[in-house]
C-alpha atoms as a PDB file:
ATOM      1  CA  MET A   1       0.000   0.000   0.000  1.00  0.00           C
ATOM      2  CA  THR A   2       1.386   3.394  -0.948  1.00  0.00           C
ATOM      3  CA  SER A   3       1.285   6.470   1.221  1.00  0.00           C
ATOM      4  CA  PRO A   4      -0.924   9.344   0.027  1.00  0.00           C
ATOM      5  CA  LEU A   5       0.617  12.398  -1.604  1.00  0.00           C
ATOM      6  CA  SER A   6       0.802  15.342   0.832  1.00  0.00           C
ATOM      7  CA  VAL A   7       0.586  18.850  -0.627  1.00  0.00           C
ATOM      8  CA  GLU A   8      -0.001  22.352   0.715  1.00  0.00           C
ATOM      9  CA  GLY A   9      -3.023  24.360  -0.317  1.00  0.00           C
ATOM     10  CA  ILE A  10      -5.235  27.286   0.621  1.00  0.00           C
ATOM     11  CA  VAL A  11      -8.841  26.856   1.732  1.00  0.00           C
ATOM     12  CA  ARG A  12     -11.019  28.919  -0.592  1.00  0.00           C
ATOM     13  CA  GLU A  13     -14.522  28.026   0.576  1.00  0.00           C
ATOM     14  CA  ALA A  14     -16.275  26.119   3.363  1.00  0.00           C
ATOM     15  CA  LEU A  15     -18.942  23.736   2.054  1.00  0.00           C
ATOM     16  CA  PRO A  16     -21.771  21.952   3.884  1.00  0.00           C
ATOM     17  CA  GLY A  17     -20.930  18.764   5.768  1.00  0.00           C
ATOM     18  CA  LEU A  18     -17.476  19.864   7.033  1.00  0.00           C
ATOM     19  CA  LYS A  19     -16.032  19.828   3.524  1.00  0.00           C
ATOM     20  CA  PHE A  20     -13.817  22.495   2.006  1.00  0.00           C
ATOM     21  CA  ARG A  21     -12.801  23.658  -1.464  1.00  0.00           C
ATOM     22  CA  ILE A  22      -8.990  23.842  -1.480  1.00  0.00           C
ATOM     23  CA  GLU A  23      -6.781  25.461  -4.094  1.00  0.00           C
ATOM     24  CA  VAL A  24      -3.559  23.506  -4.641  1.00  0.00           C
ATOM     25  CA  SER A  25      -0.798  24.958  -6.796  1.00  0.00           C
ATOM     26  CA  GLY A  26       0.071  22.672  -9.683  1.00  0.00           C
ATOM     27  CA  LEU A  27      -3.457  21.293 -10.076  1.00  0.00           C
ATOM     28  CA  PRO A  28      -5.853  22.808 -12.632  1.00  0.00           C
ATOM     29  CA  HIS A  29      -8.936  22.088 -10.495  1.00  0.00           C
ATOM     30  CA  PRO A  30      -9.818  22.652  -6.828  1.00  0.00           C
ATOM     31  CA  VAL A  31      -9.673  19.738  -4.390  1.00  0.00           C
ATOM     32  CA  ILE A  32     -12.635  18.863  -2.173  1.00  0.00           C
ATOM     33  CA  GLY A  33     -11.312  17.989   1.268  1.00  0.00           C
ATOM     34  CA  HIS A  34     -12.669  16.891   4.635  1.00  0.00           C
ATOM     35  CA  ILE A  35     -11.091  17.243   8.074  1.00  0.00           C
ATOM     36  CA  ALA A  36      -9.078  14.312   9.431  1.00  0.00           C
ATOM     37  CA  GLY A  37     -10.393  12.604  12.565  1.00  0.00           C
ATOM     38  CA  ARG A  38      -7.541  13.801  14.780  1.00  0.00           C
ATOM     39  CA  MET A  39      -8.360  17.407  13.871  1.00  0.00           C
ATOM     40  CA  LYS A  40     -12.037  16.810  14.756  1.00  0.00           C
ATOM     41  CA  ILE A  41     -11.115  15.259  18.110  1.00  0.00           C
ATOM     42  CA  ASN A  42      -8.880  18.218  19.005  1.00  0.00           C
ATOM     43  CA  ARG A  43     -11.467  20.698  17.680  1.00  0.00           C
ATOM     44  CA  ILE A  44      -9.101  22.447  15.290  1.00  0.00           C
ATOM     45  CA  ARG A  45     -11.067  24.923  13.227  1.00  0.00           C
ATOM     46  CA  VAL A  46     -10.427  25.542   9.543  1.00  0.00           C
ATOM     47  CA  LEU A  47     -11.557  28.785   7.910  1.00  0.00           C
ATOM     48  CA  ALA A  48     -11.419  30.209   4.406  1.00  0.00           C
ATOM     49  CA  GLY A  49      -7.963  31.616   3.728  1.00  0.00           C
ATOM     50  CA  ASP A  50      -6.103  29.120   5.946  1.00  0.00           C
ATOM     51  CA  ARG A  51      -3.044  27.288   4.631  1.00  0.00           C
ATOM     52  CA  VAL A  52      -3.418  23.537   5.113  1.00  0.00           C
ATOM     53  CA  THR A  53      -1.652  20.268   4.342  1.00  0.00           C
ATOM     54  CA  VAL A  54      -3.813  17.868   2.345  1.00  0.00           C
ATOM     55  CA  GLU A  55      -3.328  14.152   1.651  1.00  0.00           C
ATOM     56  CA  LEU A  56      -4.656  13.550  -1.852  1.00  0.00           C
ATOM     57  CA  ALA A  57      -6.526  10.491  -3.082  1.00  0.00           C
ATOM     58  CA  PRO A  58      -5.186   8.716  -6.197  1.00  0.00           C
ATOM     59  CA  ASP A  59      -7.666  10.585  -8.446  1.00  0.00           C
ATOM     60  CA  ARG A  60      -6.355  13.980  -7.147  1.00  0.00           C
ATOM     61  CA  LYS A  61      -9.920  15.344  -6.772  1.00  0.00           C
ATOM     62  CA  LEU A  62     -10.540  14.448  -3.134  1.00  0.00           C
ATOM     63  CA  GLY A  63      -8.383  14.833  -0.068  1.00  0.00           C
ATOM     64  CA  ARG A  64      -8.122  14.849   3.709  1.00  0.00           C
ATOM     65  CA  ILE A  65      -6.957  17.927   5.616  1.00  0.00           C
ATOM     66  CA  VAL A  66      -4.344  16.675   8.086  1.00  0.00           C
ATOM     67  CA  ARG A  67      -2.753  19.897   9.295  1.00  0.00           C
ATOM     68  CA  ARG A  68      -3.504  23.599   9.530  1.00  0.00           C
ATOM     69  CA  LEU A  69      -0.391  25.719   8.928  1.00  0.00           C
END
């Protein structure tokens, strides 16, 4: 099993259901990301304009926010 690709991006919009539209440099389309479980447990808030680290799925359209920078 391969490890997911981690990239940095900027949150552009908060969507319903704790999902976010994230702009990642080098990708022509925005990534839809959700918050990782550890961030939910520790109640780390993510707002539009925040820099985040995202682990991308193999299709590069979905991801998981694992860190707020």
